[in-house]
Amino acid sequence: MSLLLEAPATAAEIVAAPRRRWPVAALAALCALVGIVASLVLVAPGAASFSTVVPSATGVPYVTVPEFGPRGSYVLGYEHGATVRLSLPLHNSGRLPVTVTAVDLGGGPAPLITVRGHEGLPMTLRPGGSGELTLTISMGNCRFYNEREMQTYDGIRVEFSSLGRSGERLLPFDRPILVKSPMIVTCPDRKLDRSLNRRSSLL
């Protein structure tokens, strides 16, 4: 039997021993934090939120018709060859910052109104922040339409980034914008024979 006994631990060693657990706890907390940040980055595009857009236009007649449609409508008067400035106030109603990088008004092939340029992009919006995007639009292509046709624009599609990830969203207008095709007398190059100008041939 050995007569050697281990020396009792000192008070300082007893107090210091639990401190060895702190690095493990700190590492766990750091991992949890990294996980939260990574999850936030992954869901950022889906979490982005924008308010309804209230458009305004100058350059041609632009009127509000509250009685036309369930929400009323904006009517943009078609004047062949005219240049229109369409102003679109954007508001970030979400909790994350977003940067709008591109927009698309739509309209399909040979639309009655075509976007030729823009002012305000890229646009960075902090949470709750607002900015204004202005599109320069030309009016043309009426030869592909008859005088009874009308194009409807319900909103604008935006491409954006949030926390380094890209997203896309259709932002609705508070009221649709209606553009009616003009009569043949004010539409150069329109043919009486509709088969000579078909938008389907542009697809």
N, C-alpha and C. Protein backbone atom coordinates (compact mmCIF):
# COMPACT_ATOMS: atom_id res chain seq x y z
N MET A 1 0.84 -1.18 0.00
CA MET A 1 0.00 0.00 0.00
C MET A 1 0.87 1.23 0.00
N SER A 2 0.61 2.11 -0.93
CA SER A 2 1.43 3.32 -1.05
C SER A 2 1.06 4.31 0.01
N LEU A 3 2.12 4.91 0.57
CA LEU A 3 1.89 5.94 1.58
C LEU A 3 1.78 7.32 0.97
N LEU A 4 1.91 7.39 -0.39
CA LEU A 4 1.84 8.68 -1.06
C LEU A 4 0.39 9.06 -1.30
N LEU A 5 0.04 10.20 -0.90
CA LEU A 5 -1.32 10.71 -1.09
C LEU A 5 -1.28 11.92 -2.00
N GLU A 6 -2.29 12.03 -2.87
CA GLU A 6 -2.36 13.20 -3.73
C GLU A 6 -2.67 14.43 -2.90
N ALA A 7 -1.98 15.48 -3.27
CA ALA A 7 -2.21 16.74 -2.54
C ALA A 7 -3.60 17.24 -2.85
N PRO A 8 -4.33 17.72 -1.87
CA PRO A 8 -5.68 18.24 -2.11
C PRO A 8 -5.63 19.45 -3.02
N ALA A 9 -6.63 19.58 -3.83
CA ALA A 9 -6.69 20.73 -4.74
C ALA A 9 -6.81 22.01 -3.96
N THR A 10 -6.13 22.99 -4.46
CA THR A 10 -6.20 24.29 -3.80
C THR A 10 -7.51 24.96 -4.15
N ALA A 11 -7.86 25.99 -3.39
CA ALA A 11 -9.11 26.73 -3.63
C ALA A 11 -9.09 27.39 -5.00
N ALA A 12 -7.91 27.88 -5.39
CA ALA A 12 -7.80 28.55 -6.69
C ALA A 12 -8.09 27.58 -7.82
N GLU A 13 -7.59 26.32 -7.69
CA GLU A 13 -7.84 25.33 -8.73
C GLU A 13 -9.31 24.94 -8.79
N ILE A 14 -9.92 24.87 -7.59
CA ILE A 14 -11.35 24.51 -7.56
C ILE A 14 -12.18 25.58 -8.24
N VAL A 15 -11.85 26.84 -8.01
CA VAL A 15 -12.58 27.94 -8.62
C VAL A 15 -12.31 28.01 -10.12
N ALA A 16 -11.05 27.73 -10.52
CA ALA A 16 -10.66 27.86 -11.91
C ALA A 16 -11.22 26.75 -12.80
N ALA A 17 -11.48 25.58 -12.22
CA ALA A 17 -11.89 24.44 -13.02
C ALA A 17 -13.12 24.69 -13.88
N PRO A 18 -14.20 25.28 -13.33
CA PRO A 18 -15.38 25.49 -14.17
C PRO A 18 -15.14 26.44 -15.34
N ARG A 19 -14.10 27.28 -15.21
CA ARG A 19 -13.85 28.24 -16.28
C ARG A 19 -13.46 27.57 -17.59
N ARG A 20 -13.02 26.33 -17.54
CA ARG A 20 -12.67 25.63 -18.76
C ARG A 20 -13.87 25.38 -19.66
N ARG A 21 -15.08 25.48 -19.10
CA ARG A 21 -16.28 25.25 -19.89
C ARG A 21 -16.66 26.47 -20.74
N TRP A 22 -16.15 27.64 -20.38
CA TRP A 22 -16.53 28.85 -21.10
C TRP A 22 -16.19 28.81 -22.58
N PRO A 23 -15.01 28.36 -22.99
CA PRO A 23 -14.72 28.31 -24.44
C PRO A 23 -15.73 27.45 -25.21
N VAL A 24 -16.18 26.35 -24.62
CA VAL A 24 -17.15 25.49 -25.27
C VAL A 24 -18.49 26.21 -25.41
N ALA A 25 -18.89 26.91 -24.35
CA ALA A 25 -20.15 27.66 -24.40
C ALA A 25 -20.07 28.80 -25.41
N ALA A 26 -18.92 29.47 -25.45
CA ALA A 26 -18.75 30.57 -26.40
C ALA A 26 -18.79 30.05 -27.83
N LEU A 27 -18.16 28.89 -28.07
CA LEU A 27 -18.17 28.29 -29.40
C LEU A 27 -19.58 27.90 -29.82
N ALA A 28 -20.35 27.37 -28.88
CA ALA A 28 -21.73 26.99 -29.17
C ALA A 28 -22.57 28.22 -29.51
N ALA A 29 -22.35 29.29 -28.75
CA ALA A 29 -23.09 30.53 -29.01
C ALA A 29 -22.71 31.11 -30.38
N LEU A 30 -21.42 31.03 -30.71
CA LEU A 30 -20.97 31.54 -32.00
C LEU A 30 -21.57 30.73 -33.14
N CYS A 31 -21.61 29.42 -32.98
CA CYS A 31 -22.21 28.56 -34.01
C CYS A 31 -23.69 28.87 -34.19
N ALA A 32 -24.37 29.10 -33.07
CA ALA A 32 -25.80 29.44 -33.14
C ALA A 32 -25.99 30.76 -33.86
N LEU A 33 -25.12 31.73 -33.56
CA LEU A 33 -25.21 33.03 -34.21
C LEU A 33 -24.97 32.92 -35.71
N VAL A 34 -23.95 32.13 -36.08
CA VAL A 34 -23.66 31.92 -37.50
C VAL A 34 -24.85 31.26 -38.19
N GLY A 35 -25.47 30.31 -37.50
CA GLY A 35 -26.64 29.64 -38.06
C GLY A 35 -27.80 30.59 -38.29
N ILE A 36 -28.01 31.50 -37.34
CA ILE A 36 -29.09 32.48 -37.47
C ILE A 36 -28.82 33.41 -38.65
N VAL A 37 -27.58 33.89 -38.75
CA VAL A 37 -27.22 34.79 -39.84
C VAL A 37 -27.36 34.09 -41.18
N ALA A 38 -26.89 32.83 -41.26
CA ALA A 38 -26.99 32.08 -42.51
C ALA A 38 -28.44 31.86 -42.91
N SER A 39 -29.28 31.56 -41.92
CA SER A 39 -30.71 31.37 -42.22
C SER A 39 -31.34 32.66 -42.70
N LEU A 40 -30.95 33.78 -42.07
CA LEU A 40 -31.49 35.08 -42.46
C LEU A 40 -31.09 35.41 -43.89
N VAL A 41 -29.84 35.12 -44.24
CA VAL A 41 -29.38 35.39 -45.61
C VAL A 41 -30.14 34.52 -46.61
N LEU A 42 -30.39 33.27 -46.27
CA LEU A 42 -31.08 32.36 -47.18
C LEU A 42 -32.51 32.80 -47.45
N VAL A 43 -33.18 33.32 -46.42
CA VAL A 43 -34.60 33.68 -46.59
C VAL A 43 -34.77 35.14 -46.98
N ALA A 44 -33.68 35.89 -47.10
CA ALA A 44 -33.78 37.33 -47.34
C ALA A 44 -34.65 37.70 -48.54
N PRO A 45 -34.44 37.09 -49.74
CA PRO A 45 -35.27 37.49 -50.88
C PRO A 45 -36.76 37.24 -50.64
N GLY A 46 -37.08 36.11 -50.00
CA GLY A 46 -38.48 35.81 -49.75
C GLY A 46 -39.10 36.70 -48.69
N ALA A 47 -38.26 37.23 -47.80
CA ALA A 47 -38.76 38.09 -46.72
C ALA A 47 -38.92 39.54 -47.16
N ALA A 48 -38.39 39.88 -48.33
CA ALA A 48 -38.50 41.27 -48.82
C ALA A 48 -39.96 41.61 -49.07
N SER A 49 -40.31 42.86 -48.79
CA SER A 49 -41.69 43.29 -48.94
C SER A 49 -41.73 44.72 -49.47
N PHE A 50 -42.64 44.97 -50.41
CA PHE A 50 -42.80 46.29 -51.00
C PHE A 50 -44.27 46.72 -50.91
N SER A 51 -44.48 48.02 -50.81
CA SER A 51 -45.84 48.54 -50.80
C SER A 51 -46.39 48.62 -52.22
N THR A 52 -47.71 48.74 -52.32
CA THR A 52 -48.36 48.93 -53.61
C THR A 52 -47.87 50.22 -54.25
N VAL A 53 -47.64 50.18 -55.56
CA VAL A 53 -47.08 51.32 -56.29
C VAL A 53 -48.21 52.20 -56.84
N VAL A 54 -48.07 53.51 -56.64
CA VAL A 54 -49.04 54.48 -57.18
C VAL A 54 -48.35 55.25 -58.31
N PRO A 55 -48.56 54.85 -59.58
CA PRO A 55 -47.83 55.46 -60.69
C PRO A 55 -48.42 56.81 -61.11
N SER A 56 -47.57 57.63 -61.71
CA SER A 56 -48.02 58.88 -62.32
C SER A 56 -47.25 59.06 -63.62
N ALA A 57 -47.82 59.83 -64.55
CA ALA A 57 -47.20 59.96 -65.88
C ALA A 57 -47.35 61.38 -66.39
N THR A 58 -46.36 61.81 -67.18
CA THR A 58 -46.40 63.10 -67.87
C THR A 58 -45.95 62.89 -69.31
N GLY A 59 -46.38 63.80 -70.20
CA GLY A 59 -45.99 63.73 -71.59
C GLY A 59 -47.14 63.49 -72.53
N VAL A 60 -48.18 62.81 -72.03
CA VAL A 60 -49.42 62.57 -72.79
C VAL A 60 -50.57 62.63 -71.78
N PRO A 61 -51.81 62.69 -72.25
CA PRO A 61 -52.93 62.67 -71.30
C PRO A 61 -52.89 61.44 -70.39
N TYR A 62 -53.10 61.69 -69.10
CA TYR A 62 -53.07 60.61 -68.10
C TYR A 62 -54.15 60.92 -67.08
N VAL A 63 -55.21 60.13 -67.09
CA VAL A 63 -56.35 60.43 -66.23
C VAL A 63 -56.73 59.22 -65.39
N THR A 64 -57.36 59.50 -64.26
CA THR A 64 -57.86 58.45 -63.39
C THR A 64 -59.35 58.29 -63.63
N VAL A 65 -59.78 57.04 -63.85
CA VAL A 65 -61.20 56.75 -64.06
C VAL A 65 -61.64 55.80 -62.94
N PRO A 66 -62.15 56.35 -61.83
CA PRO A 66 -62.50 55.50 -60.68
C PRO A 66 -63.58 54.47 -60.99
N GLU A 67 -64.43 54.74 -61.97
CA GLU A 67 -65.56 53.85 -62.26
C GLU A 67 -65.19 52.67 -63.14
N PHE A 68 -64.01 52.69 -63.76
CA PHE A 68 -63.65 51.63 -64.71
C PHE A 68 -62.87 50.53 -63.98
N GLY A 69 -63.51 49.39 -63.78
CA GLY A 69 -62.86 48.27 -63.10
C GLY A 69 -63.12 48.31 -61.60
N PRO A 70 -62.86 47.20 -60.91
CA PRO A 70 -63.14 47.12 -59.48
C PRO A 70 -62.32 48.09 -58.63
N ARG A 71 -61.14 48.45 -59.10
CA ARG A 71 -60.30 49.40 -58.35
C ARG A 71 -60.18 50.74 -59.06
N GLY A 72 -60.91 50.89 -60.16
CA GLY A 72 -60.70 52.06 -61.00
C GLY A 72 -59.51 51.81 -61.90
N SER A 73 -59.18 52.75 -62.76
CA SER A 73 -58.09 52.57 -63.71
C SER A 73 -57.42 53.92 -64.00
N TYR A 74 -56.17 53.82 -64.46
CA TYR A 74 -55.49 54.96 -65.05
C TYR A 74 -55.53 54.75 -66.56
N VAL A 75 -55.86 55.80 -67.30
CA VAL A 75 -55.87 55.71 -68.76
C VAL A 75 -54.75 56.59 -69.30
N LEU A 76 -53.82 55.95 -70.00
CA LEU A 76 -52.68 56.64 -70.61
C LEU A 76 -52.98 56.83 -72.09
N GLY A 77 -53.15 58.08 -72.51
CA GLY A 77 -53.52 58.35 -73.89
C GLY A 77 -52.39 58.05 -74.86
N TYR A 78 -52.70 57.28 -75.88
CA TYR A 78 -51.68 56.91 -76.86
C TYR A 78 -51.52 58.01 -77.90
N GLU A 79 -50.28 58.50 -78.05
CA GLU A 79 -49.92 59.45 -79.10
C GLU A 79 -48.68 58.91 -79.78
N HIS A 80 -48.82 58.50 -81.01
CA HIS A 80 -47.73 57.80 -81.70
C HIS A 80 -46.46 58.65 -81.73
N GLY A 81 -45.36 58.02 -81.29
CA GLY A 81 -44.07 58.69 -81.28
C GLY A 81 -43.80 59.53 -80.06
N ALA A 82 -44.78 59.66 -79.16
CA ALA A 82 -44.60 60.50 -77.97
C ALA A 82 -43.66 59.84 -76.97
N THR A 83 -43.03 60.67 -76.14
CA THR A 83 -42.18 60.20 -75.04
C THR A 83 -42.88 60.49 -73.73
N VAL A 84 -42.97 59.49 -72.88
CA VAL A 84 -43.68 59.58 -71.61
C VAL A 84 -42.70 59.33 -70.47
N ARG A 85 -42.88 60.08 -69.38
CA ARG A 85 -42.12 59.82 -68.15
C ARG A 85 -43.08 59.22 -67.13
N LEU A 86 -42.83 57.97 -66.78
CA LEU A 86 -43.67 57.25 -65.82
C LEU A 86 -42.94 57.19 -64.49
N SER A 87 -43.51 57.84 -63.47
CA SER A 87 -42.88 57.89 -62.14
C SER A 87 -43.48 56.81 -61.25
N LEU A 88 -42.59 56.05 -60.59
CA LEU A 88 -43.01 54.93 -59.76
C LEU A 88 -42.37 55.05 -58.38
N PRO A 89 -43.10 55.51 -57.38
CA PRO A 89 -42.56 55.55 -56.02
C PRO A 89 -42.49 54.15 -55.43
N LEU A 90 -41.32 53.76 -54.95
CA LEU A 90 -41.12 52.44 -54.35
C LEU A 90 -40.90 52.59 -52.85
N HIS A 91 -41.52 51.70 -52.09
CA HIS A 91 -41.40 51.75 -50.63
C HIS A 91 -41.09 50.36 -50.09
N ASN A 92 -40.01 50.27 -49.31
CA ASN A 92 -39.62 49.01 -48.69
C ASN A 92 -40.40 48.85 -47.39
N SER A 93 -41.41 48.00 -47.41
CA SER A 93 -42.24 47.78 -46.22
C SER A 93 -41.76 46.60 -45.39
N GLY A 94 -40.62 46.02 -45.76
CA GLY A 94 -40.08 44.88 -45.02
C GLY A 94 -39.09 45.29 -43.96
N ARG A 95 -38.46 44.30 -43.34
CA ARG A 95 -37.52 44.52 -42.23
C ARG A 95 -36.06 44.39 -42.64
N LEU A 96 -35.84 44.15 -43.94
CA LEU A 96 -34.47 43.99 -44.43
C LEU A 96 -34.19 45.04 -45.50
N PRO A 97 -32.95 45.48 -45.63
CA PRO A 97 -32.61 46.41 -46.72
C PRO A 97 -32.66 45.69 -48.05
N VAL A 98 -33.04 46.40 -49.10
CA VAL A 98 -33.09 45.84 -50.44
C VAL A 98 -32.48 46.84 -51.42
N THR A 99 -31.91 46.31 -52.50
CA THR A 99 -31.40 47.14 -53.59
C THR A 99 -32.07 46.70 -54.88
N VAL A 100 -32.90 47.58 -55.45
CA VAL A 100 -33.58 47.29 -56.71
C VAL A 100 -32.58 47.51 -57.83
N THR A 101 -32.39 46.50 -58.68
CA THR A 101 -31.37 46.57 -59.72
C THR A 101 -31.92 46.63 -61.14
N ALA A 102 -33.15 46.16 -61.36
CA ALA A 102 -33.72 46.15 -62.72
C ALA A 102 -35.23 46.12 -62.62
N VAL A 103 -35.90 46.58 -63.69
CA VAL A 103 -37.36 46.58 -63.74
C VAL A 103 -37.83 46.13 -65.11
N ASP A 104 -39.05 45.62 -65.16
CA ASP A 104 -39.65 45.18 -66.43
C ASP A 104 -41.13 45.53 -66.39
N LEU A 105 -41.56 46.35 -67.34
CA LEU A 105 -42.96 46.76 -67.39
C LEU A 105 -43.83 45.72 -68.09
N GLY A 106 -43.23 44.85 -68.88
CA GLY A 106 -43.99 43.82 -69.57
C GLY A 106 -44.64 44.36 -70.84
N GLY A 107 -45.67 43.67 -71.28
CA GLY A 107 -46.38 44.08 -72.49
C GLY A 107 -46.23 43.13 -73.65
N GLY A 108 -45.32 42.15 -73.54
CA GLY A 108 -45.15 41.18 -74.61
C GLY A 108 -44.43 41.75 -75.81
N PRO A 109 -44.45 41.04 -76.93
CA PRO A 109 -43.76 41.53 -78.13
C PRO A 109 -44.45 42.75 -78.71
N ALA A 110 -43.65 43.73 -79.16
CA ALA A 110 -44.15 44.97 -79.78
C ALA A 110 -45.25 45.62 -78.94
N PRO A 111 -44.96 45.99 -77.69
CA PRO A 111 -46.00 46.61 -76.86
C PRO A 111 -46.31 48.03 -77.32
N LEU A 112 -47.47 48.54 -76.93
CA LEU A 112 -47.84 49.90 -77.27
C LEU A 112 -46.92 50.91 -76.59
N ILE A 113 -46.40 50.57 -75.42
CA ILE A 113 -45.45 51.44 -74.73
C ILE A 113 -44.19 50.63 -74.43
N THR A 114 -43.04 51.21 -74.73
CA THR A 114 -41.77 50.51 -74.58
C THR A 114 -40.82 51.33 -73.72
N VAL A 115 -40.22 50.70 -72.72
CA VAL A 115 -39.27 51.39 -71.84
C VAL A 115 -37.96 51.60 -72.59
N ARG A 116 -37.51 52.86 -72.67
CA ARG A 116 -36.27 53.21 -73.36
C ARG A 116 -35.15 53.57 -72.39
N GLY A 117 -35.48 53.88 -71.16
CA GLY A 117 -34.45 54.26 -70.19
C GLY A 117 -35.07 54.42 -68.82
N HIS A 118 -34.22 54.63 -67.83
CA HIS A 118 -34.70 54.78 -66.46
C HIS A 118 -33.77 55.68 -65.67
N GLU A 119 -34.30 56.26 -64.61
CA GLU A 119 -33.55 57.05 -63.66
C GLU A 119 -33.83 56.52 -62.26
N GLY A 120 -32.77 56.34 -61.50
CA GLY A 120 -32.96 55.91 -60.11
C GLY A 120 -32.45 54.52 -59.79
N LEU A 121 -31.91 53.80 -60.78
CA LEU A 121 -31.38 52.46 -60.53
C LEU A 121 -29.85 52.47 -60.60
N PRO A 122 -29.22 51.67 -59.75
CA PRO A 122 -29.81 50.85 -58.69
C PRO A 122 -30.32 51.73 -57.54
N MET A 123 -31.35 51.26 -56.86
CA MET A 123 -31.98 51.99 -55.77
C MET A 123 -31.91 51.16 -54.49
N THR A 124 -31.21 51.67 -53.49
CA THR A 124 -31.10 50.98 -52.20
C THR A 124 -32.12 51.57 -51.23
N LEU A 125 -32.93 50.68 -50.66
CA LEU A 125 -33.98 51.10 -49.73
C LEU A 125 -33.76 50.42 -48.39
N ARG A 126 -33.57 51.20 -47.36
CA ARG A 126 -33.47 50.64 -46.01
C ARG A 126 -34.87 50.22 -45.57
N PRO A 127 -35.00 49.46 -44.50
CA PRO A 127 -36.34 49.10 -44.01
C PRO A 127 -37.16 50.35 -43.72
N GLY A 128 -38.32 50.43 -44.33
CA GLY A 128 -39.18 51.59 -44.17
C GLY A 128 -38.83 52.75 -45.09
N GLY A 129 -37.79 52.58 -45.93
CA GLY A 129 -37.33 53.65 -46.81
C GLY A 129 -38.09 53.71 -48.12
N SER A 130 -38.05 54.88 -48.76
CA SER A 130 -38.75 55.09 -50.02
C SER A 130 -37.82 55.75 -51.04
N GLY A 131 -38.14 55.58 -52.30
CA GLY A 131 -37.40 56.21 -53.39
C GLY A 131 -38.30 56.28 -54.61
N GLU A 132 -37.88 57.01 -55.61
CA GLU A 132 -38.70 57.14 -56.82
C GLU A 132 -37.91 56.72 -58.05
N LEU A 133 -38.52 55.85 -58.82
CA LEU A 133 -37.97 55.37 -60.07
C LEU A 133 -38.74 56.02 -61.21
N THR A 134 -38.03 56.55 -62.21
CA THR A 134 -38.69 57.17 -63.36
C THR A 134 -38.29 56.44 -64.63
N LEU A 135 -39.29 55.99 -65.38
CA LEU A 135 -39.07 55.30 -66.64
C LEU A 135 -39.34 56.25 -67.80
N THR A 136 -38.46 56.23 -68.80
CA THR A 136 -38.69 56.96 -70.04
C THR A 136 -39.28 55.98 -71.04
N ILE A 137 -40.47 56.31 -71.52
CA ILE A 137 -41.24 55.37 -72.35
C ILE A 137 -41.55 56.00 -73.70
N SER A 138 -41.44 55.21 -74.76
CA SER A 138 -41.86 55.66 -76.08
C SER A 138 -43.12 54.92 -76.50
N MET A 139 -43.93 55.59 -77.31
CA MET A 139 -45.18 54.99 -77.80
C MET A 139 -45.02 54.64 -79.27
N GLY A 140 -45.24 53.40 -79.58
CA GLY A 140 -45.10 52.94 -80.95
C GLY A 140 -45.80 51.60 -81.13
N ASN A 141 -45.56 50.97 -82.26
CA ASN A 141 -46.07 49.62 -82.55
C ASN A 141 -47.58 49.54 -82.72
N CYS A 142 -48.27 50.68 -82.86
CA CYS A 142 -49.72 50.60 -83.00
C CYS A 142 -50.15 49.87 -84.27
N ARG A 143 -49.25 49.76 -85.24
CA ARG A 143 -49.61 49.07 -86.49
C ARG A 143 -49.93 47.59 -86.25
N PHE A 144 -49.49 47.06 -85.11
CA PHE A 144 -49.76 45.65 -84.80
C PHE A 144 -51.11 45.47 -84.10
N TYR A 145 -51.86 46.55 -83.88
CA TYR A 145 -53.11 46.49 -83.11
C TYR A 145 -54.25 47.09 -83.94
N ASN A 146 -55.47 46.63 -83.69
CA ASN A 146 -56.63 47.29 -84.28
C ASN A 146 -57.17 48.32 -83.29
N GLU A 147 -58.09 49.14 -83.74
CA GLU A 147 -58.55 50.26 -82.91
C GLU A 147 -59.39 49.83 -81.71
N ARG A 148 -59.75 48.57 -81.61
CA ARG A 148 -60.52 48.08 -80.47
C ARG A 148 -59.65 47.46 -79.39
N GLU A 149 -58.35 47.29 -79.67
CA GLU A 149 -57.48 46.61 -78.72
C GLU A 149 -56.98 47.55 -77.62
N MET A 150 -56.64 46.95 -76.49
CA MET A 150 -56.16 47.71 -75.35
C MET A 150 -55.14 46.86 -74.59
N GLN A 151 -54.09 47.49 -74.11
CA GLN A 151 -53.13 46.79 -73.26
C GLN A 151 -53.31 47.25 -71.82
N THR A 152 -53.20 46.29 -70.91
CA THR A 152 -53.36 46.56 -69.48
C THR A 152 -52.06 46.26 -68.76
N TYR A 153 -51.62 47.21 -67.93
CA TYR A 153 -50.41 47.04 -67.13
C TYR A 153 -50.81 47.08 -65.66
N ASP A 154 -50.74 45.90 -65.01
CA ASP A 154 -51.19 45.77 -63.62
C ASP A 154 -50.12 46.07 -62.60
N GLY A 155 -48.87 46.10 -63.02
CA GLY A 155 -47.78 46.34 -62.07
C GLY A 155 -46.45 46.31 -62.79
N ILE A 156 -45.40 46.32 -62.01
CA ILE A 156 -44.05 46.29 -62.57
C ILE A 156 -43.24 45.21 -61.86
N ARG A 157 -42.49 44.45 -62.64
CA ARG A 157 -41.64 43.40 -62.07
C ARG A 157 -40.26 43.98 -61.78
N VAL A 158 -39.80 43.75 -60.55
CA VAL A 158 -38.49 44.28 -60.14
C VAL A 158 -37.55 43.13 -59.80
N GLU A 159 -36.29 43.32 -60.11
CA GLU A 159 -35.23 42.44 -59.64
C GLU A 159 -34.48 43.18 -58.55
N PHE A 160 -34.13 42.47 -57.50
CA PHE A 160 -33.50 43.13 -56.36
C PHE A 160 -32.54 42.17 -55.65
N SER A 161 -31.73 42.72 -54.77
CA SER A 161 -30.87 41.91 -53.92
C SER A 161 -31.08 42.32 -52.48
N SER A 162 -30.93 41.36 -51.58
CA SER A 162 -31.05 41.61 -50.15
C SER A 162 -30.08 40.70 -49.42
N LEU A 163 -29.19 41.29 -48.65
CA LEU A 163 -28.15 40.55 -47.92
C LEU A 163 -27.34 39.66 -48.86
N GLY A 164 -27.09 40.17 -50.07
CA GLY A 164 -26.24 39.46 -51.01
C GLY A 164 -26.94 38.41 -51.86
N ARG A 165 -28.23 38.23 -51.68
CA ARG A 165 -28.96 37.24 -52.48
C ARG A 165 -29.98 37.94 -53.37
N SER A 166 -30.21 37.38 -54.55
CA SER A 166 -31.08 38.01 -55.54
C SER A 166 -32.51 37.50 -55.44
N GLY A 167 -33.44 38.37 -55.82
CA GLY A 167 -34.85 38.01 -55.81
C GLY A 167 -35.58 38.75 -56.91
N GLU A 168 -36.84 38.40 -57.09
CA GLU A 168 -37.68 39.01 -58.12
C GLU A 168 -39.10 39.09 -57.58
N ARG A 169 -39.78 40.19 -57.87
CA ARG A 169 -41.12 40.38 -57.34
C ARG A 169 -41.96 41.22 -58.30
N LEU A 170 -43.24 40.89 -58.43
CA LEU A 170 -44.17 41.72 -59.19
C LEU A 170 -44.84 42.67 -58.22
N LEU A 171 -44.62 43.97 -58.40
CA LEU A 171 -45.21 44.98 -57.52
C LEU A 171 -46.48 45.50 -58.18
N PRO A 172 -47.64 45.28 -57.58
CA PRO A 172 -48.90 45.71 -58.20
C PRO A 172 -49.08 47.23 -58.13
N PHE A 173 -49.72 47.78 -59.16
CA PHE A 173 -50.15 49.18 -59.11
C PHE A 173 -51.45 49.26 -58.30
N ASP A 174 -51.70 50.40 -57.71
CA ASP A 174 -52.95 50.56 -56.97
C ASP A 174 -54.15 50.49 -57.91
N ARG A 175 -53.94 50.91 -59.16
CA ARG A 175 -54.92 50.76 -60.22
C ARG A 175 -54.18 50.38 -61.49
N PRO A 176 -54.77 49.56 -62.35
CA PRO A 176 -54.08 49.20 -63.61
C PRO A 176 -53.98 50.41 -64.53
N ILE A 177 -52.94 50.41 -65.37
CA ILE A 177 -52.78 51.42 -66.41
C ILE A 177 -53.30 50.83 -67.72
N LEU A 178 -54.22 51.53 -68.35
CA LEU A 178 -54.80 51.08 -69.61
C LEU A 178 -54.26 51.95 -70.75
N VAL A 179 -53.84 51.30 -71.84
CA VAL A 179 -53.37 52.00 -73.04
C VAL A 179 -54.18 51.48 -74.22
N LYS A 180 -54.98 52.37 -74.81
CA LYS A 180 -55.85 51.96 -75.92
C LYS A 180 -55.18 52.25 -77.25
N SER A 181 -55.30 51.29 -78.16
CA SER A 181 -54.76 51.47 -79.50
C SER A 181 -55.54 52.58 -80.22
N PRO A 182 -54.84 53.44 -81.00
CA PRO A 182 -55.52 54.56 -81.66
C PRO A 182 -56.25 54.12 -82.93
N MET A 183 -57.00 55.07 -83.48
CA MET A 183 -57.67 54.84 -84.76
C MET A 183 -56.62 54.81 -85.88
N ILE A 184 -56.98 54.26 -87.02
CA ILE A 184 -56.03 54.08 -88.11
C ILE A 184 -55.50 55.41 -88.63
N VAL A 185 -56.30 56.47 -88.55
CA VAL A 185 -55.85 57.76 -89.08
C VAL A 185 -54.71 58.36 -88.27
N THR A 186 -54.54 57.94 -87.04
CA THR A 186 -53.44 58.47 -86.21
C THR A 186 -52.37 57.40 -85.95
N CYS A 187 -52.40 56.33 -86.72
CA CYS A 187 -51.42 55.25 -86.56
C CYS A 187 -50.70 55.01 -87.88
N PRO A 188 -49.51 55.58 -88.04
CA PRO A 188 -48.75 55.37 -89.29
C PRO A 188 -48.44 53.89 -89.53
N ASP A 189 -48.46 53.51 -90.77
CA ASP A 189 -48.06 52.16 -91.21
C ASP A 189 -49.05 51.07 -90.86
N ARG A 190 -50.19 51.42 -90.25
CA ARG A 190 -51.19 50.37 -90.03
C ARG A 190 -51.87 50.03 -91.36
N LYS A 191 -52.05 48.75 -91.61
CA LYS A 191 -52.65 48.28 -92.86
C LYS A 191 -54.09 47.84 -92.63
N LEU A 192 -54.91 48.05 -93.62
CA LEU A 192 -56.27 47.55 -93.53
C LEU A 192 -56.29 46.03 -93.51
N ASP A 193 -55.34 45.43 -94.19
CA ASP A 193 -55.20 43.98 -94.17
C ASP A 193 -54.42 43.60 -92.92
N ARG A 194 -55.12 43.10 -91.91
CA ARG A 194 -54.50 42.81 -90.62
C ARG A 194 -53.45 41.71 -90.72
N SER A 195 -53.50 40.89 -91.75
CA SER A 195 -52.54 39.79 -91.87
C SER A 195 -51.13 40.29 -92.18
N LEU A 196 -51.02 41.57 -92.60
CA LEU A 196 -49.70 42.09 -92.95
C LEU A 196 -48.88 42.49 -91.72
N ASN A 197 -49.56 42.75 -90.62
CA ASN A 197 -48.87 43.11 -89.36
C ASN A 197 -49.44 42.27 -88.23
N ARG A 198 -48.75 41.22 -87.87
CA ARG A 198 -49.18 40.35 -86.79
C ARG A 198 -48.10 40.27 -85.72
N ARG A 199 -48.51 40.52 -84.48
CA ARG A 199 -47.53 40.40 -83.38
C ARG A 199 -47.06 38.96 -83.21
N SER A 200 -47.90 38.01 -83.54
CA SER A 200 -47.52 36.61 -83.39
C SER A 200 -46.31 36.25 -84.24
N SER A 201 -46.11 37.00 -85.34
CA SER A 201 -44.97 36.71 -86.20
C SER A 201 -43.65 37.16 -85.56
N LEU A 202 -43.73 37.96 -84.49
CA LEU A 202 -42.52 38.43 -83.81
C LEU A 202 -42.04 37.47 -82.74
N LEU A 203 -42.87 36.49 -82.40
CA LEU A 203 -42.50 35.55 -81.32
C LEU A 203 -41.40 34.60 -81.80
